[in-house]
Amino acid sequence: MNYQQYYHKKGGFTLIELVSALAIAAVLCICIAAIFMSAFNMEMVIERDSEMFSESYFLMEYIGNEIRKSENIISTSEFILPSGKGEYLPFVLYLQEKNTKQIVAYAIHNDKCYRYSYRSKEKQIPYKILKWDISDSNLIAEHVRLAENCNFNSSSKIIHLSFQLKDLEIIETDYYIYGE
């Protein structure tokens, strides 16, 4: 009996066939794993971006509500605010709540937007606040930066807010102030 007859009677695979089959199976497994990892990473990116958009729209709505409730709006260029709080939005709001007046300013610091407020029972709120109560600050949104064209035009009564989301697009809105 020669070698070929013995091999065909056994019905086995050669080493080359086994190695080839294992290599093909390994490539297929790696491709399938790469597809799943890509889908998982894409889901994480979409979730992160969705959260950033949600927070930024909440921030715009929150600031808009306070602008509508404000008694007076003053440009930050006319107001002396404490330093070290970040980059301030270009306006300061005066709010009246029952017997208490409140000054509200917003600042962006380390890609986070904070709302700072100062409460006073006095009739006149000073333009320079010597002691700003840090405990009276709230984190409103994360992952936002002020864009270049954020401004307050007191003569035309328009506040233009423009925020850049972390590595994404810029969202903008205008608030028109009536009746001051």
Protein backbone atom coordinates (compact mmCIF):
# COMPACT_ATOMS: atom_id res chain seq x y z
CA MET A 1 0.00 0.00 0.00
CA ASN A 2 1.51 3.31 -0.98
CA TYR A 3 1.25 6.60 0.89
CA GLN A 4 -1.60 8.08 -1.19
CA GLN A 5 -3.82 5.07 -0.72
CA TYR A 6 -3.18 5.12 3.04
CA TYR A 7 -3.98 8.85 3.27
CA HIS A 8 -7.24 8.61 1.35
CA LYS A 9 -8.41 5.67 3.39
CA LYS A 10 -7.88 7.55 6.68
CA GLY A 11 -9.95 10.61 5.59
CA GLY A 12 -7.97 13.16 7.71
CA PHE A 13 -6.74 16.68 7.04
CA THR A 14 -3.24 17.76 6.32
CA LEU A 15 -1.43 20.21 8.54
CA ILE A 16 -1.60 22.88 5.84
CA GLU A 17 -5.38 22.52 5.61
CA LEU A 18 -5.77 22.83 9.38
CA VAL A 19 -3.52 25.88 9.60
CA SER A 20 -5.36 27.53 6.67
CA ALA A 21 -8.76 26.87 8.26
CA LEU A 22 -7.58 28.30 11.60
CA ALA A 23 -6.15 31.40 9.91
CA ILE A 24 -9.41 32.04 8.05
CA ALA A 25 -11.43 31.54 11.25
CA ALA A 26 -9.12 33.92 13.15
CA VAL A 27 -9.47 36.61 10.47
CA LEU A 28 -13.25 36.25 10.55
CA CYS A 29 -13.32 36.50 14.36
CA ILE A 30 -11.12 39.60 14.28
CA CYS A 31 -13.38 41.23 11.64
CA ILE A 32 -16.53 40.47 13.63
CA ALA A 33 -14.94 41.78 16.85
CA ALA A 34 -13.83 44.95 15.06
CA ILE A 35 -17.38 45.55 13.79
CA PHE A 36 -18.82 45.13 17.29
CA MET A 37 -16.17 47.40 18.84
CA SER A 38 -16.79 50.04 16.17
CA ALA A 39 -20.54 49.92 16.81
CA PHE A 40 -19.99 50.15 20.58
CA ASN A 41 -17.61 53.13 20.20
CA MET A 42 -20.05 54.86 17.84
CA GLU A 43 -22.84 54.39 20.38
CA MET A 44 -20.68 55.95 23.10
CA VAL A 45 -19.83 58.95 20.88
CA ILE A 46 -23.48 59.46 19.95
CA GLU A 47 -24.52 59.25 23.60
CA ARG A 48 -21.84 61.77 24.64
CA ASP A 49 -22.75 64.19 21.85
CA SER A 50 -26.44 63.85 22.64
CA GLU A 51 -25.76 64.68 26.28
CA MET A 52 -23.72 67.74 25.28
CA PHE A 53 -26.49 69.01 22.98
CA SER A 54 -29.08 68.39 25.66
CA GLU A 55 -27.07 70.29 28.27
CA SER A 56 -26.40 73.20 25.93
CA TYR A 57 -30.07 73.56 24.99
CA PHE A 58 -30.96 73.39 28.69
CA LEU A 59 -28.41 76.16 29.31
CA MET A 60 -29.91 78.34 26.57
CA GLU A 61 -33.42 77.78 27.91
CA TYR A 62 -32.35 78.44 31.51
CA ILE A 63 -30.61 81.70 30.64
CA GLY A 64 -33.54 82.72 28.43
CA ASN A 65 -36.00 82.20 31.28
CA GLU A 66 -33.89 84.36 33.59
CA ILE A 67 -33.57 87.07 30.94
CA ARG A 68 -37.37 87.12 30.61
CA LYS A 69 -37.80 87.36 34.41
CA SER A 70 -35.13 90.03 34.88
CA GLU A 71 -35.96 93.53 36.01
CA ASN A 72 -32.90 95.05 34.38
CA ILE A 73 -29.98 93.89 32.23
CA ILE A 74 -26.58 95.56 32.37
CA SER A 75 -23.51 94.96 30.26
CA THR A 76 -20.58 93.41 32.12
CA SER A 77 -18.43 96.24 30.77
CA GLU A 78 -20.40 98.59 33.06
CA PHE A 79 -20.17 96.23 36.02
CA ILE A 80 -17.26 95.21 38.21
CA LEU A 81 -17.37 91.47 38.81
CA PRO A 82 -15.01 89.39 40.93
CA SER A 83 -12.03 87.98 39.07
CA GLY A 84 -11.02 84.33 38.97
CA LYS A 85 -14.50 83.02 38.21
CA GLY A 86 -13.88 82.40 34.51
CA GLU A 87 -15.03 84.24 31.41
CA TYR A 88 -18.31 86.05 32.05
CA LEU A 89 -21.22 86.19 29.65
CA PRO A 90 -21.62 89.77 28.41
CA PHE A 91 -24.51 90.74 30.69
CA VAL A 92 -25.60 90.88 34.33
CA LEU A 93 -29.23 90.35 35.29
CA TYR A 94 -31.15 92.10 38.06
CA LEU A 95 -33.91 89.89 39.41
CA GLN A 96 -36.58 90.85 41.96
CA GLU A 97 -37.86 88.03 44.17
CA LYS A 98 -40.33 89.18 46.82
CA ASN A 99 -38.33 91.58 49.03
CA THR A 100 -34.94 90.48 47.77
CA LYS A 101 -33.00 91.83 44.83
CA GLN A 102 -30.57 89.54 43.14
CA ILE A 103 -27.71 90.06 40.70
CA VAL A 104 -27.04 87.10 38.45
CA ALA A 105 -23.95 86.59 36.30
CA TYR A 106 -22.92 83.58 34.25
CA ALA A 107 -19.33 82.52 33.72
CA ILE A 108 -17.62 79.80 31.71
CA HIS A 109 -14.70 78.20 33.53
CA ASN A 110 -12.93 74.98 32.47
CA ASP A 111 -15.66 74.17 29.90
CA LYS A 112 -18.39 74.49 32.55
CA CYS A 113 -21.03 77.19 32.87
CA TYR A 114 -21.68 78.52 36.37
CA ARG A 115 -24.45 80.79 37.57
CA TYR A 116 -23.28 83.25 40.24
CA SER A 117 -25.74 85.29 42.24
CA TYR A 118 -25.61 87.99 44.86
CA ARG A 119 -28.65 88.69 47.04
CA SER A 120 -29.39 91.96 48.76
CA LYS A 121 -32.31 93.44 50.68
CA GLU A 122 -31.07 96.95 49.99
CA LYS A 123 -32.92 99.17 47.53
CA GLN A 124 -29.82 99.79 45.44
CA ILE A 125 -27.48 96.97 44.46
CA PRO A 126 -23.87 98.15 44.20
CA TYR A 127 -22.00 97.88 40.91
CA LYS A 128 -18.99 96.48 42.72
CA ILE A 129 -19.60 93.45 44.87
CA LEU A 130 -16.82 92.99 47.38
CA LYS A 131 -17.86 89.58 48.62
CA TRP A 132 -19.40 87.17 46.13
CA ASP A 133 -20.82 84.15 47.95
CA ILE A 134 -19.33 81.07 46.31
CA SER A 135 -21.94 78.90 48.00
CA ASP A 136 -24.50 80.75 45.90
CA SER A 137 -23.13 79.41 42.61
CA ASN A 138 -24.60 76.62 40.54
CA LEU A 139 -23.14 74.45 37.83
CA ILE A 140 -25.59 74.82 34.94
CA ALA A 141 -23.90 72.93 32.09
CA GLU A 142 -20.67 71.18 31.16
CA HIS A 143 -18.77 70.81 27.89
CA VAL A 144 -19.43 74.39 26.73
CA ARG A 145 -17.19 77.30 25.79
CA LEU A 146 -18.07 80.86 24.87
CA ALA A 147 -17.80 81.48 21.16
CA GLU A 148 -16.19 84.66 19.84
CA ASN A 149 -19.35 86.51 18.83
CA CYS A 150 -21.24 86.36 22.16
CA ASN A 151 -22.36 89.91 22.97
CA PHE A 152 -24.93 92.24 24.51
CA ASN A 153 -25.96 95.36 22.61
CA SER A 154 -27.68 97.63 25.10
CA SER A 155 -28.80 100.17 22.48
CA SER A 156 -30.61 97.65 20.26
CA LYS A 157 -31.58 95.54 23.32
CA ILE A 158 -30.30 92.27 21.85
CA ILE A 159 -28.34 89.59 23.66
CA HIS A 160 -26.55 87.24 21.28
CA LEU A 161 -25.42 84.04 22.97
CA SER A 162 -23.06 81.71 21.20
CA PHE A 163 -21.62 78.57 22.76
CA GLN A 164 -19.23 76.05 21.31
CA LEU A 165 -19.74 72.48 22.37
CA LYS A 166 -16.54 70.69 23.24
CA ASP A 167 -15.26 69.55 19.83
CA LEU A 168 -18.50 70.04 17.99
CA GLU A 169 -20.48 72.82 16.44
CA ILE A 170 -21.51 76.22 17.73
CA ILE A 171 -25.07 76.84 18.90
CA GLU A 172 -26.41 80.37 18.89
CA THR A 173 -29.52 82.29 19.84
CA ASP A 174 -30.65 85.89 20.16
CA TYR A 175 -32.76 87.33 22.97
CA TYR A 176 -34.67 90.55 22.31
CA ILE A 177 -35.35 92.65 25.39
CA TYR A 178 -38.59 94.59 25.55
CA GLY A 179 -39.88 97.25 27.87
CA GLU A 180 -36.91 98.60 29.83
